[in-house]
Structures are given as C-alpha cells and as structure tokens.
Amino acid sequence: MAKKQSLNFSFGNDELESFVNQYKSVAVKEMTHSQRSIDERVYVNRTVNMDKIHFVGFDMDYTLVEYKSPEYEILAFDMMVKLLMRNGYPEELAQLQYDASFPLRGLYFDRIYGNLLKVDCFGNILRCIHGFEHVAGNEIERLYPNKYVQPSEDRFYILNTLFHLPETYIIAAIIDYFDHHPDYEKTPEGVRRGTLLLSYKSIYQDLRSVVDVLHNEGELKRKTLEDLDKYVIKQPKLPGFFRLPSPLRLQSLLSY
C-alpha cells in the first residue's frame, strides 16, 4: 500500500509558508461545509453557456444504465454461443461457460494469428495469449518483431468496452476449442479439416456478425427487459436527473 503523503510542508520563505497554510485552511473548510458528499460531486474544467441549447441527449449503456456483472456478460455470452451454433458452429460449444476472471478491457485481437494481445500505450506487447495458452517471449518476438504493433493496422481489433468482455472470452474459447479438437489440424492462421480451412479471421467475422444481431436487432435489450432486476442496477436518483430546467428538453437516449 502506498504511503500517505503529509501536508506538513516546511518552507524557508515565511510568506510562501503563510500562503500554503491559508490554502489548507480554505480547502479543509470547503470539504467540511460542502452540501454534497464526495461521491455525489461532479468536477468540470470549463463552463458551458446553456442559453442557446434547447435539447440534450444522453448515452444510455454503462452511463445512465449500469448493468450487473457478471450476470449481463453471461447473458450476452450465452446468446452469442446459441447464434453461432444456429449458424453452423459445433453443438459442443453449448458446454462453454463464461469465466469472468479471464477477459480484460483493451485487449487487441490479431485477426491473422488469432492472438489476444495486451499492449501498452506505445504499442509494446506486454502479454500474448492464443486461445487460453500464454505465448512464450521468443514466439512473440517471431510473430511481432521487437514485440511491437501498430494499433492502426487493420489486422487488429481493439476490444475496449464493457460490451466486449464476453466477446473477448468467446473468441479465446472458440480458438482453444478448434486448436485442440482431434478432427482439426492447427495452422499458423487457422485450423484445417481435410480441404476445409477455417481461418482465425473468418471465425472472428462470424462472431462479429452475431454480435451485430444481438445489438443492432435488439435481441440483447429484449432479454434484458424480461428481467430488469437480474441485469440492471437500479438508480433511485435517476428519474430526477431528467427533470431538466426549462427550456431544455430531453432529445434522445443513445445506445450501443
């Protein structure tokens, strides 16, 4: 645990030390007499003139509406598996169960080699996983020279939202399934069964298509509405949030 920093500074300059003491006094008074608790305060770094703004829109998912985890990810995961099987994927995938401890936000998926990459803000690869197996450092160096990638390359898809958590797990689970299936032969860019080549790129394209069905056609939202108590965290203060001062009016709620 990090050591707490003390506010007891000592300055050689009496005027500077006096100024700091005055600032500390004002800050403590402000924190003591604030009308709102810390978790209810909103910090802004600029003011907005609302005189000419008549309509306001809000983002809904994971902003106004907070979903319960891992219940919501399990729902999405199970629906993705069913849609994939409906599109011709093996029935054995029904045995897969979502593991909330595996996926992280912000992983890169390499469409060519089927790897999940943990990458820092400069493009350096920190970890690499293929299916559920960690890739050794020398193999990472062979696939990605200098263990570096360009995030802008088309081959990479960045799984950076909370909606991507079940998607991250299912792509790893499907690749792991095919890589270890006795009827399939693993190749650098996919798996082969006889003359049929199933590339990692095509697997991910199939997954993206079912994800689009869930979101764009409203399948996931319909299932959510059937059991709100199970999937949505209720916010008692939320209705009051929409009582906008005149002449402002709610224009829209934006969803994924």
Protein backbone atom coordinates (compact mmCIF):
# COMPACT_ATOMS: atom_id res chain seq x y z
CA MET A 1 0.00 0.00 0.00
CA ALA A 2 1.34 3.43 -0.92
CA LYS A 3 2.39 5.64 1.98
CA LYS A 4 0.12 8.62 2.54
CA GLN A 5 1.76 11.92 1.77
CA SER A 6 1.87 14.51 4.54
CA LEU A 7 0.67 18.08 4.02
CA ASN A 8 3.06 19.43 6.64
CA PHE A 9 5.50 21.29 4.40
CA SER A 10 8.34 23.41 5.70
CA PHE A 11 9.48 26.45 3.72
CA GLY A 12 12.31 28.82 4.25
CA ASN A 13 10.24 31.65 2.85
CA ASP A 14 7.77 32.83 5.52
CA GLU A 15 5.39 34.40 3.01
CA LEU A 16 5.16 31.20 0.96
CA GLU A 17 4.56 29.11 4.05
CA SER A 18 1.83 31.51 5.15
CA PHE A 19 0.15 31.23 1.76
CA VAL A 20 0.17 27.42 1.93
CA ASN A 21 -1.35 27.47 5.42
CA GLN A 22 -4.13 29.77 4.23
CA TYR A 23 -4.83 27.49 1.27
CA LYS A 24 -5.01 24.45 3.54
CA SER A 25 -7.44 26.25 5.81
CA VAL A 26 -9.75 27.17 2.92
CA ALA A 27 -9.57 23.65 1.45
CA VAL A 28 -10.47 21.99 4.74
CA LYS A 29 -13.35 24.43 5.25
CA GLU A 30 -14.64 23.74 1.72
CA MET A 31 -14.56 19.98 2.26
CA THR A 32 -16.26 20.29 5.64
CA HIS A 33 -19.12 22.55 4.56
CA SER A 34 -19.85 21.11 1.11
CA GLN A 35 -23.53 20.42 0.57
CA ARG A 36 -22.80 17.21 -1.29
CA SER A 37 -20.83 14.15 -0.30
CA ILE A 38 -17.69 13.43 -2.29
CA ASP A 39 -19.30 10.59 -4.31
CA GLU A 40 -22.06 12.96 -5.49
CA ARG A 41 -19.85 15.80 -6.69
CA VAL A 42 -19.04 16.45 -10.34
CA TYR A 43 -15.83 18.18 -11.35
CA VAL A 44 -15.82 20.25 -14.52
CA ASN A 45 -12.93 22.14 -16.05
CA ARG A 46 -15.00 24.61 -18.04
CA THR A 47 -18.38 26.31 -18.02
CA VAL A 48 -21.00 25.96 -20.74
CA ASN A 49 -23.42 28.67 -21.75
CA MET A 50 -26.79 26.88 -21.96
CA ASP A 51 -28.78 29.87 -23.24
CA LYS A 52 -28.90 28.59 -26.82
CA ILE A 53 -29.10 24.86 -26.01
CA HIS A 54 -32.66 23.52 -26.13
CA PHE A 55 -32.17 19.76 -26.44
CA VAL A 56 -29.91 17.38 -24.52
CA GLY A 57 -29.09 13.75 -25.33
CA PHE A 58 -27.57 11.16 -23.02
CA ASP A 59 -25.61 7.98 -23.56
CA MET A 60 -27.51 5.08 -22.02
CA ASP A 61 -25.42 1.90 -21.77
CA TYR A 62 -22.94 1.88 -18.89
CA THR A 63 -23.59 5.61 -18.37
CA LEU A 64 -27.17 6.13 -17.28
CA VAL A 65 -27.81 2.40 -17.14
CA GLU A 66 -25.34 0.28 -15.20
CA TYR A 67 -25.54 -3.45 -15.82
CA LYS A 68 -24.84 -6.12 -13.23
CA SER A 69 -21.63 -8.06 -13.69
CA PRO A 70 -21.10 -10.90 -14.44
CA GLU A 71 -24.83 -11.59 -14.96
CA TYR A 72 -25.06 -9.34 -18.00
CA GLU A 73 -21.88 -10.70 -19.60
CA ILE A 74 -23.15 -14.27 -19.06
CA LEU A 75 -26.41 -13.38 -20.80
CA ALA A 76 -24.60 -11.91 -23.81
CA PHE A 77 -22.13 -14.80 -23.93
CA ASP A 78 -24.85 -17.47 -23.90
CA MET A 79 -26.78 -15.66 -26.63
CA MET A 80 -23.65 -15.41 -28.81
CA VAL A 81 -23.00 -19.14 -28.44
CA LYS A 82 -26.57 -20.02 -29.44
CA LEU A 83 -26.41 -17.79 -32.51
CA LEU A 84 -23.07 -19.27 -33.58
CA MET A 85 -24.46 -22.80 -33.29
CA ARG A 86 -27.52 -21.72 -35.25
CA ASN A 87 -25.11 -20.56 -37.99
CA GLY A 88 -23.38 -23.94 -38.19
CA TYR A 89 -20.80 -23.98 -35.40
CA PRO A 90 -20.43 -27.26 -33.43
CA GLU A 91 -23.09 -28.10 -30.82
CA GLU A 92 -20.27 -28.83 -28.35
CA LEU A 93 -19.90 -25.07 -27.88
CA ALA A 94 -23.05 -25.23 -25.73
CA GLN A 95 -20.83 -26.67 -22.99
CA LEU A 96 -18.80 -23.44 -22.76
CA GLN A 97 -19.33 -21.37 -19.63
CA TYR A 98 -18.33 -17.75 -19.24
CA ASP A 99 -15.38 -17.11 -16.92
CA ALA A 100 -15.43 -13.52 -15.68
CA SER A 101 -11.84 -13.75 -14.42
CA PHE A 102 -10.38 -14.08 -17.92
CA PRO A 103 -11.31 -11.08 -20.11
CA LEU A 104 -9.86 -7.59 -19.74
CA ARG A 105 -10.88 -4.40 -21.47
CA GLY A 106 -8.49 -3.01 -24.05
CA LEU A 107 -7.04 -6.23 -25.47
CA TYR A 108 -6.10 -6.38 -29.15
CA PHE A 109 -7.31 -9.28 -31.28
CA ASP A 110 -4.99 -10.23 -34.12
CA ARG A 111 -7.21 -11.43 -36.97
CA ILE A 112 -4.29 -13.15 -38.73
CA TYR A 113 -2.77 -15.27 -35.95
CA GLY A 114 -5.81 -15.39 -33.63
CA ASN A 115 -3.93 -13.95 -30.67
CA LEU A 116 -5.16 -11.69 -27.89
CA LEU A 117 -2.55 -9.04 -27.08
CA LYS A 118 -2.14 -6.82 -24.06
CA VAL A 119 -0.45 -3.70 -25.43
CA ASP A 120 0.75 -0.54 -23.71
CA CYS A 121 0.01 2.98 -24.95
CA PHE A 122 3.15 2.94 -27.15
CA GLY A 123 2.33 -0.30 -28.97
CA ASN A 124 4.66 -2.56 -27.00
CA ILE A 125 3.29 -6.06 -26.41
CA LEU A 126 3.13 -6.91 -22.71
CA ARG A 127 1.40 -10.30 -22.97
CA CYS A 128 0.11 -12.58 -25.69
CA ILE A 129 -2.50 -15.35 -25.38
CA HIS A 130 -3.60 -17.82 -28.05
CA GLY A 131 -6.86 -19.44 -27.02
CA PHE A 132 -6.22 -19.98 -23.33
CA GLU A 133 -2.47 -20.58 -23.68
CA HIS A 134 0.20 -17.97 -22.98
CA VAL A 135 2.61 -17.42 -25.86
CA ALA A 136 6.32 -17.54 -24.96
CA GLY A 137 8.51 -14.47 -25.37
CA ASN A 138 10.61 -15.87 -28.23
CA GLU A 139 7.45 -16.79 -30.15
CA ILE A 140 6.04 -13.30 -29.62
CA GLU A 141 9.30 -11.89 -31.00
CA ARG A 142 8.99 -14.12 -34.08
CA LEU A 143 5.39 -13.15 -34.80
CA TYR A 144 5.77 -9.48 -33.89
CA PRO A 145 9.30 -8.12 -34.46
CA ASN A 146 10.55 -6.10 -31.48
CA LYS A 147 7.34 -7.13 -29.68
CA TYR A 148 5.70 -4.06 -31.17
CA VAL A 149 2.48 -3.45 -33.10
CA GLN A 150 0.84 -0.52 -34.85
CA PRO A 151 -2.64 -0.09 -33.33
CA SER A 152 -3.83 1.49 -36.57
CA GLU A 153 -3.21 -1.71 -38.58
CA ASP A 154 -6.40 -3.25 -39.98
CA ARG A 155 -5.43 -6.70 -38.68
CA PHE A 156 -6.09 -5.64 -35.09
CA TYR A 157 -9.48 -5.18 -33.47
CA ILE A 158 -9.42 -3.40 -30.10
CA LEU A 159 -11.85 -4.83 -27.54
CA ASN A 160 -12.10 -1.74 -25.40
CA THR A 161 -15.64 -1.53 -23.99
CA LEU A 162 -17.51 -3.42 -21.30
CA PHE A 163 -19.68 -4.90 -24.04
CA HIS A 164 -16.51 -6.54 -25.39
CA LEU A 165 -15.85 -8.63 -22.26
CA PRO A 166 -17.98 -11.65 -23.30
CA GLU A 167 -16.77 -11.23 -26.87
CA THR A 168 -13.16 -11.42 -25.65
CA TYR A 169 -13.81 -14.64 -23.78
CA ILE A 170 -15.77 -16.36 -26.51
CA ILE A 171 -13.14 -15.73 -29.21
CA ALA A 172 -10.48 -17.24 -26.93
CA ALA A 173 -12.74 -20.18 -26.08
CA ILE A 174 -13.61 -20.96 -29.72
CA ILE A 175 -9.96 -20.80 -30.85
CA ASP A 176 -8.96 -23.04 -27.95
CA TYR A 177 -11.72 -25.49 -28.91
CA PHE A 178 -10.65 -25.80 -32.56
CA ASP A 179 -6.91 -25.84 -31.80
CA HIS A 180 -7.32 -28.87 -29.51
CA HIS A 181 -10.03 -30.71 -31.43
CA PRO A 182 -8.68 -34.04 -32.79
CA ASP A 183 -10.50 -33.57 -36.12
CA TYR A 184 -8.78 -30.26 -36.85
CA GLU A 185 -5.17 -29.53 -37.74
CA LYS A 186 -3.74 -26.28 -36.41
CA THR A 187 -2.09 -23.95 -38.95
CA PRO A 188 -0.40 -20.56 -38.38
CA GLU A 189 -3.51 -18.66 -39.47
CA GLY A 190 -6.34 -21.01 -38.55
CA VAL A 191 -7.35 -24.67 -38.44
CA ARG A 192 -7.81 -27.22 -41.22
CA ARG A 193 -10.14 -30.18 -41.57
CA GLY A 194 -9.50 -32.03 -44.81
CA THR A 195 -9.75 -29.44 -47.56
CA LEU A 196 -11.66 -27.01 -45.33
CA LEU A 197 -9.57 -24.15 -43.94
CA LEU A 198 -11.18 -22.19 -41.13
CA SER A 199 -9.09 -19.05 -40.61
CA TYR A 200 -9.00 -17.09 -37.36
CA LYS A 201 -10.10 -14.07 -39.38
CA SER A 202 -13.24 -15.84 -40.60
CA ILE A 203 -14.01 -17.07 -37.07
CA TYR A 204 -13.92 -13.52 -35.80
CA GLN A 205 -16.02 -12.28 -38.72
CA ASP A 206 -18.65 -14.87 -37.78
CA LEU A 207 -18.52 -13.72 -34.18
CA ARG A 208 -18.87 -10.06 -35.13
CA SER A 209 -21.93 -10.88 -37.22
CA VAL A 210 -23.75 -12.46 -34.26
CA VAL A 211 -22.72 -9.56 -32.02
CA ASP A 212 -24.29 -7.18 -34.53
CA VAL A 213 -27.51 -9.23 -34.41
CA LEU A 214 -27.61 -9.01 -30.62
CA HIS A 215 -27.18 -5.25 -30.54
CA ASN A 216 -28.49 -3.86 -33.82
CA GLU A 217 -31.61 -6.04 -33.93
CA GLY A 218 -32.35 -5.54 -30.24
CA GLU A 219 -32.11 -9.18 -29.14
CA LEU A 220 -29.98 -8.41 -26.11
CA LYS A 221 -32.16 -5.50 -25.00
CA ARG A 222 -35.31 -7.62 -25.25
CA LYS A 223 -33.81 -10.27 -23.00
CA THR A 224 -32.68 -7.57 -20.58
CA LEU A 225 -36.17 -6.10 -20.32
CA GLU A 226 -37.60 -9.51 -19.47
CA ASP A 227 -35.70 -9.48 -16.15
CA LEU A 228 -34.51 -5.98 -15.25
CA ASP A 229 -33.89 -6.87 -11.60
CA LYS A 230 -31.40 -9.53 -12.66
CA TYR A 231 -29.42 -7.47 -15.15
CA VAL A 232 -29.75 -3.78 -14.25
CA ILE A 233 -28.62 -1.88 -11.15
CA LYS A 234 -31.44 0.40 -10.09
CA GLN A 235 -30.56 4.07 -9.55
CA PRO A 236 -33.21 5.72 -7.31
CA LYS A 237 -31.98 9.22 -8.16
CA LEU A 238 -32.01 8.70 -11.91
CA PRO A 239 -35.60 9.94 -12.58
CA GLY A 240 -34.72 13.30 -11.05
CA PHE A 241 -31.81 13.59 -13.45
CA PHE A 242 -34.24 14.05 -16.33
CA ARG A 243 -36.08 16.96 -14.76
CA LEU A 244 -34.18 19.43 -16.89
CA PRO A 245 -34.64 23.15 -16.32
CA SER A 246 -36.80 24.95 -18.87
CA PRO A 247 -36.40 25.40 -21.83
CA LEU A 248 -34.18 22.27 -22.00
CA ARG A 249 -35.81 19.05 -23.13
CA LEU A 250 -34.57 15.51 -23.41
CA GLN A 251 -33.80 14.84 -27.06
CA SER A 252 -32.67 11.24 -27.09
CA LEU A 253 -31.01 8.30 -25.36
CA LEU A 254 -28.11 6.81 -27.30
CA SER A 255 -27.49 3.09 -27.07
CA TYR A 256 -24.73 0.82 -28.41
